[in-house]
Amino acid sequence: MANTVTPAVRSAAAWSWRLLAIAGAVAVALWLVAVLKVIVVPVAIALLVTIALRPVVEALTGRLHLPRPLAVGVTVVGLLALLAGLVVAAGSSVANGIVDLWSAAKDGFVTALTWLAEGPLHISSAQLDGYLAQLQQGLSGMSSQLLTGAVHATTTVGHVGAGTLIAIFCLIFFLLDGRTIWTWVVGLFPQRAREQVHQAGRRGWLSLEAYTRTQVLVAAVDAIGIGVGAAILGVPLALPLGVLVFLGSFVPIVGALVTGAVAVLVALVSHGLVAAVWMLVIVLAVQQVEGHVLQPFLMGHAVSLHPVAVLLSVAAGSLVAGIVGALFAVPIAALTNTVVLYLHGHDKFPHLGTDDHLVHRRQATPDAGEDGTGQPGTEGPGTTPGSPTTGSSQPEVTA
């Protein structure tokens, strides 16, 4: 019977069960991430913030000769102070501008009703009153859903608070003791695979650095361009719009479109059609500079993902995990691309070389010390257990 099965069928069957096994492993991994999202998401955010803050810590320790714990503390406190200042400034701007915006929105609503009644549609006042009554009935019927949503929002606020604490805690130790943590992670792999994992991790880290650096600069340019343009046009809530654009720019393609549309809508409601057209011109100009100048120049070879791959990654991430998935889809894709290419023999960063090595604690034996040589576990002068260098915060990515 086995001889009747053609080689093509055998090959297809072999590939099928392997693909099913891989799909099952991926499904289990995604399920675990969904269950542990309150922990996984803050850790991932802390990792990306670590990449952005590492140059600051290195500058404080290298140029000002601060002890690393003090440099980390100053950097984290400075970040928290900056975020608190932005929140206070944006909140004050919202409180001052929301009244004018609400008044303009009401005037616009009245103008729209007048146009519906007197324009080419000739909708009578009785019909408009009927539509408004139906809208009120629909909103009153949603009271139970609104209550459920309020309870859910309370739970979400609790999760956000817990996630914030986890992210800050992880950020401090990633900056302070990152290489030791990485050494421990690599040590979980079989000994023969550790060197490959370490070298692949160094290259993946460099891709994440390039992506994060680029996105921060692009988001800042977008926020400044659109925020200043809104302020020049006299659009209310210019500062909150700038903050919104900055945050939205971390979701490639989609974030810029959505936040730009919000800016145009606010201009339309507050100042009419002409201001909205000018706001649209500003948004399009900023996005053209981003897409044709900043992204290619800053991202370069480090994150060589085709725009189609970026768009599909964002779509898949948002489908699986909503906004959080869209936020992390591209960095995960860039990291995976770099690591897989390296493991298959294509090194995107040959200048890194392979001279950087991790020193792992050897397994103790009954007749030997901690390092298996009869001596207490030693890993080199001036090092801590599991860390060949002192003060690094991540896999070393410099030549």
Protein backbone atom coordinates (compact mmCIF):
# COMPACT_ATOMS: atom_id res chain seq x y z
CA MET A 1 0.00 0.00 0.00
CA ALA A 2 2.86 2.36 0.86
CA ASN A 3 4.33 1.85 -2.60
CA THR A 4 1.17 3.22 -4.18
CA VAL A 5 1.69 6.63 -2.55
CA THR A 6 3.55 8.91 -4.93
CA PRO A 7 6.56 10.96 -3.76
CA ALA A 8 4.61 14.16 -4.32
CA VAL A 9 1.89 13.03 -1.91
CA ARG A 10 4.46 11.96 0.66
CA SER A 11 6.20 15.31 0.42
CA ALA A 12 2.90 17.17 0.70
CA ALA A 13 1.91 15.10 3.75
CA ALA A 14 5.28 15.72 5.41
CA TRP A 15 5.01 19.46 4.84
CA SER A 16 1.37 19.45 5.99
CA TRP A 17 1.94 17.98 9.43
CA ARG A 18 4.96 20.20 10.00
CA LEU A 19 2.98 23.31 9.02
CA LEU A 20 0.14 22.20 11.26
CA ALA A 21 2.57 21.78 14.15
CA ILE A 22 4.01 25.27 13.54
CA ALA A 23 0.52 26.77 13.28
CA GLY A 24 -0.47 25.07 16.53
CA ALA A 25 2.61 26.42 18.31
CA VAL A 26 1.91 29.93 17.01
CA ALA A 27 -1.73 29.68 18.09
CA VAL A 28 -0.73 28.60 21.60
CA ALA A 29 1.81 31.43 21.79
CA LEU A 30 -0.80 34.00 20.72
CA TRP A 31 -3.26 32.59 23.25
CA LEU A 32 -0.69 32.93 26.04
CA VAL A 33 0.06 36.50 24.96
CA ALA A 34 -3.68 37.31 25.02
CA VAL A 35 -4.07 35.78 28.49
CA LEU A 36 -0.97 37.56 29.84
CA LYS A 37 -1.43 40.82 27.90
CA VAL A 38 -1.44 42.90 31.09
CA ILE A 39 2.17 41.73 31.58
CA VAL A 40 3.37 41.19 28.00
CA VAL A 41 2.34 44.61 26.63
CA PRO A 42 4.04 46.66 29.39
CA VAL A 43 7.22 44.60 29.03
CA ALA A 44 7.21 45.19 25.25
CA ILE A 45 6.63 48.91 25.74
CA ALA A 46 9.45 49.03 28.30
CA LEU A 47 11.74 47.33 25.77
CA LEU A 48 11.00 49.93 23.07
CA VAL A 49 11.41 52.81 25.55
CA THR A 50 14.71 51.26 26.67
CA ILE A 51 15.95 51.49 23.09
CA ALA A 52 14.99 55.17 22.93
CA LEU A 53 16.54 56.06 26.32
CA ARG A 54 19.74 54.03 26.12
CA PRO A 55 21.72 56.82 24.34
CA VAL A 56 20.75 59.21 27.14
CA VAL A 57 22.01 56.81 29.81
CA GLU A 58 25.23 56.19 27.86
CA ALA A 59 25.79 59.95 27.53
CA LEU A 60 25.30 60.50 31.26
CA THR A 61 27.67 57.69 32.19
CA GLY A 62 30.26 58.39 29.47
CA ARG A 63 30.41 62.19 29.32
CA LEU A 64 29.26 63.24 32.79
CA HIS A 65 30.75 60.14 34.48
CA LEU A 66 27.63 59.50 36.55
CA PRO A 67 27.26 56.07 38.16
CA ARG A 68 24.96 53.95 36.06
CA PRO A 69 22.21 53.62 38.73
CA LEU A 70 22.14 57.42 39.10
CA ALA A 71 22.10 57.91 35.32
CA VAL A 72 19.20 55.48 34.97
CA GLY A 73 17.31 57.22 37.78
CA VAL A 74 17.82 60.67 36.25
CA THR A 75 16.73 59.42 32.82
CA VAL A 76 13.56 57.69 34.04
CA VAL A 77 12.55 60.60 36.29
CA GLY A 78 13.15 63.02 33.42
CA LEU A 79 10.95 60.92 31.13
CA LEU A 80 8.14 60.79 33.69
CA ALA A 81 8.41 64.56 34.25
CA LEU A 82 8.22 65.18 30.49
CA LEU A 83 5.14 62.96 30.14
CA ALA A 84 3.48 64.62 33.13
CA GLY A 85 4.17 68.06 31.63
CA LEU A 86 2.66 67.06 28.30
CA VAL A 87 -0.44 65.64 30.00
CA VAL A 88 -0.93 68.80 32.08
CA ALA A 89 -0.39 71.12 29.11
CA ALA A 90 -2.69 69.10 26.84
CA GLY A 91 -5.34 68.87 29.55
CA SER A 92 -5.22 72.62 30.12
CA SER A 93 -5.53 73.23 26.38
CA VAL A 94 -8.51 70.88 26.16
CA ALA A 95 -10.21 72.56 29.11
CA ASN A 96 -9.73 76.00 27.56
CA GLY A 97 -10.64 75.09 23.99
CA ILE A 98 -13.41 72.55 24.36
CA VAL A 99 -16.03 75.24 25.12
CA ASP A 100 -15.30 77.12 21.90
CA LEU A 101 -15.18 73.87 19.95
CA TRP A 102 -18.52 72.71 21.41
CA SER A 103 -20.09 76.07 20.54
CA ALA A 104 -18.76 75.83 16.99
CA ALA A 105 -20.02 72.25 16.74
CA LYS A 106 -23.53 73.33 17.80
CA ASP A 107 -23.51 76.15 15.26
CA GLY A 108 -22.37 73.71 12.61
CA PHE A 109 -25.14 71.29 13.56
CA VAL A 110 -27.76 74.04 13.29
CA THR A 111 -26.32 75.08 9.92
CA ALA A 112 -26.51 71.48 8.70
CA LEU A 113 -30.16 71.19 9.80
CA THR A 114 -30.97 74.44 8.02
CA TRP A 115 -29.31 73.19 4.84
CA LEU A 116 -31.26 69.92 5.02
CA ALA A 117 -34.51 71.82 5.38
CA GLU A 118 -33.89 74.58 2.82
CA GLY A 119 -31.40 72.91 0.50
CA PRO A 120 -32.01 70.61 -2.47
CA LEU A 121 -33.20 67.75 -0.22
CA HIS A 122 -36.18 69.80 1.12
CA ILE A 123 -36.55 67.73 4.28
CA SER A 124 -39.43 69.11 6.32
CA SER A 125 -39.13 70.18 9.95
CA ALA A 126 -41.48 67.37 10.97
CA GLN A 127 -39.19 64.79 9.37
CA LEU A 128 -36.14 66.29 11.05
CA ASP A 129 -37.92 66.24 14.42
CA GLY A 130 -38.81 62.60 13.84
CA TYR A 131 -35.20 61.68 13.06
CA LEU A 132 -33.99 63.51 16.18
CA ALA A 133 -36.59 61.73 18.31
CA GLN A 134 -35.46 58.36 16.95
CA LEU A 135 -31.87 59.28 17.76
CA GLN A 136 -32.84 60.19 21.33
CA GLN A 137 -34.74 56.93 21.73
CA GLY A 138 -31.76 54.95 20.47
CA LEU A 139 -29.41 56.69 22.91
CA SER A 140 -31.77 56.13 25.86
CA GLY A 141 -32.08 52.46 24.93
CA MET A 142 -28.33 52.11 25.14
CA SER A 143 -28.22 53.04 28.83
CA SER A 144 -27.54 49.48 29.96
CA GLN A 145 -24.78 49.13 27.39
CA LEU A 146 -23.28 52.41 28.55
CA LEU A 147 -23.33 51.16 32.15
CA THR A 148 -21.60 47.95 31.12
CA GLY A 149 -19.07 49.98 29.21
CA ALA A 150 -18.42 52.15 32.27
CA VAL A 151 -17.73 49.07 34.39
CA HIS A 152 -15.44 47.73 31.69
CA ALA A 153 -13.68 51.09 31.51
CA THR A 154 -13.07 50.98 35.27
CA THR A 155 -11.45 47.56 34.90
CA THR A 156 -9.38 48.86 31.99
CA VAL A 157 -8.14 51.80 34.07
CA GLY A 158 -7.00 49.33 36.73
CA HIS A 159 -5.16 47.28 34.11
CA VAL A 160 -3.55 50.42 32.70
CA GLY A 161 -2.35 51.42 36.16
CA ALA A 162 -0.87 47.98 36.82
CA GLY A 163 0.70 47.90 33.36
CA THR A 164 2.26 51.33 33.90
CA LEU A 165 3.93 50.18 37.11
CA ILE A 166 5.20 47.01 35.41
CA ALA A 167 6.54 49.02 32.47
CA ILE A 168 8.41 51.49 34.72
CA PHE A 169 9.85 48.65 36.83
CA CYS A 170 11.02 46.74 33.75
CA LEU A 171 12.37 49.92 32.13
CA ILE A 172 14.60 50.62 35.13
CA PHE A 173 16.11 47.16 35.17
CA PHE A 174 16.42 46.91 31.37
CA LEU A 175 18.51 50.09 31.45
CA LEU A 176 20.41 49.08 34.56
CA ASP A 177 21.00 45.37 34.06
CA GLY A 178 19.98 44.59 30.50
CA ARG A 179 22.98 42.52 29.47
CA THR A 180 22.70 40.27 32.51
CA ILE A 181 19.03 39.65 31.68
CA TRP A 182 19.93 38.90 28.05
CA THR A 183 22.64 36.49 29.18
CA TRP A 184 20.09 34.63 31.28
CA VAL A 185 17.64 34.46 28.36
CA VAL A 186 20.29 33.09 26.00
CA GLY A 187 21.29 30.58 28.67
CA LEU A 188 17.85 29.00 28.41
CA PHE A 189 18.78 27.65 24.96
CA PRO A 190 20.88 24.53 24.37
CA GLN A 191 24.60 25.25 24.64
CA ARG A 192 25.29 24.59 20.96
CA ALA A 193 22.68 27.18 19.93
CA ARG A 194 23.60 29.97 22.33
CA GLU A 195 26.20 31.69 20.14
CA GLN A 196 23.84 31.75 17.14
CA VAL A 197 21.00 33.05 19.31
CA HIS A 198 23.22 35.78 20.76
CA GLN A 199 24.51 36.95 17.37
CA ALA A 200 21.01 36.88 15.89
CA GLY A 201 19.74 38.82 18.90
CA ARG A 202 22.39 41.51 18.43
CA ARG A 203 21.22 42.05 14.86
CA GLY A 204 17.57 41.96 15.82
CA TRP A 205 18.27 44.56 18.49
CA LEU A 206 19.91 46.83 15.92
CA SER A 207 16.79 46.56 13.73
CA LEU A 208 14.62 47.52 16.70
CA GLU A 209 16.92 50.45 17.43
CA ALA A 210 16.65 51.69 13.85
CA TYR A 211 12.87 51.30 13.84
CA THR A 212 12.35 53.00 17.20
CA ARG A 213 14.71 55.88 16.41
CA THR A 214 13.02 56.44 13.08
CA GLN A 215 9.50 56.31 14.47
CA VAL A 216 10.30 58.74 17.30
CA LEU A 217 11.81 61.28 14.88
CA VAL A 218 9.03 60.83 12.32
CA ALA A 219 6.36 61.16 15.02
CA ALA A 220 8.01 64.32 16.33
CA VAL A 221 8.17 65.87 12.85
CA ASP A 222 4.52 64.96 12.19
CA ALA A 223 3.37 66.33 15.53
CA ILE A 224 5.32 69.58 15.19
CA GLY A 225 4.26 70.13 11.57
CA ILE A 226 0.56 69.47 12.09
CA GLY A 227 0.44 71.11 15.54
CA VAL A 228 2.16 74.31 14.35
CA GLY A 229 -0.04 74.36 11.23
CA ALA A 230 -3.17 74.07 13.37
CA ALA A 231 -1.94 76.85 15.66
CA ILE A 232 -1.23 79.15 12.69
CA LEU A 233 -4.74 78.54 11.35
CA GLY A 234 -6.15 79.29 14.80
CA VAL A 235 -7.63 75.82 15.19
CA PRO A 236 -8.53 75.09 18.82
CA LEU A 237 -6.86 72.20 20.66
CA ALA A 238 -3.66 72.57 18.61
CA LEU A 239 -1.46 71.11 21.39
CA PRO A 240 -3.70 68.07 22.06
CA LEU A 241 -3.85 67.49 18.30
CA GLY A 242 -0.05 67.53 18.18
CA VAL A 243 0.16 65.01 21.02
CA LEU A 244 -2.45 62.83 19.31
CA VAL A 245 -0.52 62.93 16.03
CA PHE A 246 2.71 62.02 17.85
CA LEU A 247 1.13 58.96 19.46
CA GLY A 248 -0.72 57.93 16.30
CA SER A 249 2.42 58.09 14.18
CA PHE A 250 3.75 55.00 15.95
CA VAL A 251 1.21 52.99 13.96
CA PRO A 252 2.66 53.20 10.43
CA ILE A 253 0.41 54.38 7.57
CA VAL A 254 -2.89 54.00 9.44
CA GLY A 255 -2.03 56.18 12.44
CA ALA A 256 -1.00 59.16 10.33
CA LEU A 257 -4.18 58.96 8.24
CA VAL A 258 -6.52 58.75 11.25
CA THR A 259 -4.89 61.52 13.29
CA GLY A 260 -4.63 63.75 10.19
CA ALA A 261 -8.34 63.23 9.55
CA VAL A 262 -9.10 64.24 13.16
CA ALA A 263 -7.13 67.48 12.69
CA VAL A 264 -9.02 68.27 9.48
CA LEU A 265 -12.36 67.51 11.17
CA VAL A 266 -11.59 69.83 14.10
CA ALA A 267 -10.64 72.60 11.65
CA LEU A 268 -13.89 72.03 9.73
CA VAL A 269 -16.03 72.18 12.85
CA SER A 270 -14.30 75.21 14.33
CA HIS A 271 -13.47 77.40 11.30
CA GLY A 272 -15.39 76.07 8.34
CA LEU A 273 -14.52 74.60 4.96
CA VAL A 274 -11.66 76.94 3.97
CA ALA A 275 -9.69 76.25 7.16
CA ALA A 276 -10.35 72.53 6.76
CA VAL A 277 -8.92 72.60 3.22
CA TRP A 278 -5.79 74.40 4.42
CA MET A 279 -5.46 71.94 7.30
CA LEU A 280 -5.75 69.09 4.79
CA VAL A 281 -2.98 70.65 2.68
CA ILE A 282 -0.73 70.89 5.75
CA VAL A 283 -1.42 67.26 6.73
CA LEU A 284 -0.71 66.01 3.21
CA ALA A 285 2.51 68.06 2.97
CA VAL A 286 3.79 66.71 6.30
CA GLN A 287 2.95 63.14 5.31
CA GLN A 288 4.68 63.55 1.95
CA VAL A 289 7.85 64.71 3.70
CA GLU A 290 7.55 61.74 6.05
CA GLY A 291 6.94 59.15 3.34
CA HIS A 292 9.46 60.34 0.74
CA VAL A 293 12.24 61.89 2.83
CA LEU A 294 12.28 60.81 6.48
CA GLN A 295 11.28 57.15 6.24
CA PRO A 296 13.69 56.14 3.42
CA PHE A 297 16.58 58.26 4.76
CA LEU A 298 16.31 57.26 8.42
CA MET A 299 15.08 53.68 8.17
CA GLY A 300 17.43 52.68 5.38
CA HIS A 301 18.75 49.15 5.23
CA ALA A 302 18.22 48.40 8.93
CA VAL A 303 14.49 47.72 8.59
CA SER A 304 14.17 46.66 4.96
CA LEU A 305 10.46 45.89 4.87
CA HIS A 306 8.48 46.49 1.72
CA PRO A 307 5.52 48.90 2.14
CA VAL A 308 3.18 46.00 1.33
CA ALA A 309 4.74 44.00 4.18
CA VAL A 310 4.31 46.98 6.52
CA LEU A 311 0.65 47.43 5.57
CA LEU A 312 -0.13 43.71 5.88
CA SER A 313 1.68 43.55 9.22
CA VAL A 314 -0.35 46.45 10.59
CA ALA A 315 -3.59 44.94 9.26
CA ALA A 316 -2.82 41.51 10.73
CA GLY A 317 -1.73 42.99 14.05
CA SER A 318 -4.86 45.12 14.38
CA LEU A 319 -7.04 42.14 13.45
CA VAL A 320 -5.43 39.92 16.09
CA ALA A 321 -4.88 42.40 18.93
CA GLY A 322 -6.50 45.72 18.02
CA ILE A 323 -4.53 48.93 18.55
CA VAL A 324 -1.82 47.15 20.52
CA GLY A 325 -1.31 44.69 17.68
CA ALA A 326 -1.06 47.50 15.14
CA LEU A 327 1.51 49.25 17.34
CA PHE A 328 3.84 46.26 17.68
CA ALA A 329 3.24 44.59 14.30
CA VAL A 330 6.01 46.35 12.37
CA PRO A 331 8.79 46.08 15.01
CA ILE A 332 7.99 42.38 15.43
CA ALA A 333 8.06 41.89 11.66
CA ALA A 334 11.38 43.78 11.37
CA LEU A 335 12.91 41.78 14.22
CA THR A 336 11.70 38.47 12.79
CA ASN A 337 12.95 39.35 9.32
CA THR A 338 16.44 40.20 10.57
CA VAL A 339 16.78 37.16 12.84
CA VAL A 340 15.46 34.65 10.30
CA LEU A 341 17.72 36.03 7.56
CA TYR A 342 20.76 35.78 9.84
CA LEU A 343 19.95 32.20 10.86
CA HIS A 344 19.69 31.33 7.16
CA GLY A 345 23.12 32.77 6.36
CA HIS A 346 22.28 36.35 5.30
CA ASP A 347 23.81 38.89 7.68
CA LYS A 348 22.27 42.35 7.25
CA PHE A 349 24.87 43.82 9.61
CA PRO A 350 28.23 42.24 8.77
CA HIS A 351 30.06 45.15 10.41
CA LEU A 352 28.91 43.86 13.81
CA GLY A 353 31.13 40.82 13.46
CA THR A 354 30.99 37.95 15.95
CA ASP A 355 33.60 39.09 18.48
CA ASP A 356 31.02 39.92 21.15
CA HIS A 357 30.40 36.84 23.32
CA LEU A 358 28.42 36.05 26.42
CA VAL A 359 29.98 34.18 29.35
CA HIS A 360 27.55 31.77 30.97
CA ARG A 361 27.79 30.16 34.37
CA ARG A 362 28.79 26.55 33.90
CA GLN A 363 26.81 23.74 35.43
CA ALA A 364 28.25 22.62 38.75
CA THR A 365 29.49 19.03 39.14
CA PRO A 366 29.84 17.00 42.37
CA ASP A 367 33.67 17.25 42.28
CA ALA A 368 33.98 20.80 41.01
CA GLY A 369 33.14 24.30 41.98
CA GLU A 370 30.39 26.41 40.50
CA ASP A 371 32.18 26.78 37.18
CA GLY A 372 33.02 23.07 36.89
CA THR A 373 36.78 23.62 37.33
CA GLY A 374 37.14 23.09 41.06
CA GLN A 375 37.17 26.85 41.65
CA PRO A 376 34.31 29.13 42.65
CA GLY A 377 32.40 30.38 39.63
CA THR A 378 34.46 33.13 38.04
CA GLU A 379 33.64 34.79 34.80
CA GLY A 380 36.46 37.23 34.32
CA PRO A 381 37.77 40.24 36.22
CA GLY A 382 35.36 43.03 36.91
CA THR A 383 32.25 41.14 35.83
CA THR A 384 29.09 40.11 37.57
CA PRO A 385 27.63 36.61 37.23
CA GLY A 386 26.23 36.14 33.76
CA SER A 387 27.53 39.48 32.50
CA PRO A 388 30.91 39.88 30.82
CA THR A 389 30.62 43.63 30.73
CA THR A 390 29.35 46.06 33.29
CA GLY A 391 26.76 48.67 32.54
CA SER A 392 25.38 47.42 29.24
CA SER A 393 21.62 47.53 28.93
CA GLN A 394 21.03 45.24 25.97
CA PRO A 395 22.75 42.92 23.51
CA GLU A 396 25.76 44.85 22.29
CA VAL A 397 25.10 46.21 18.81
CA THR A 398 28.21 48.18 18.09
CA ALA A 399 31.12 46.89 16.15
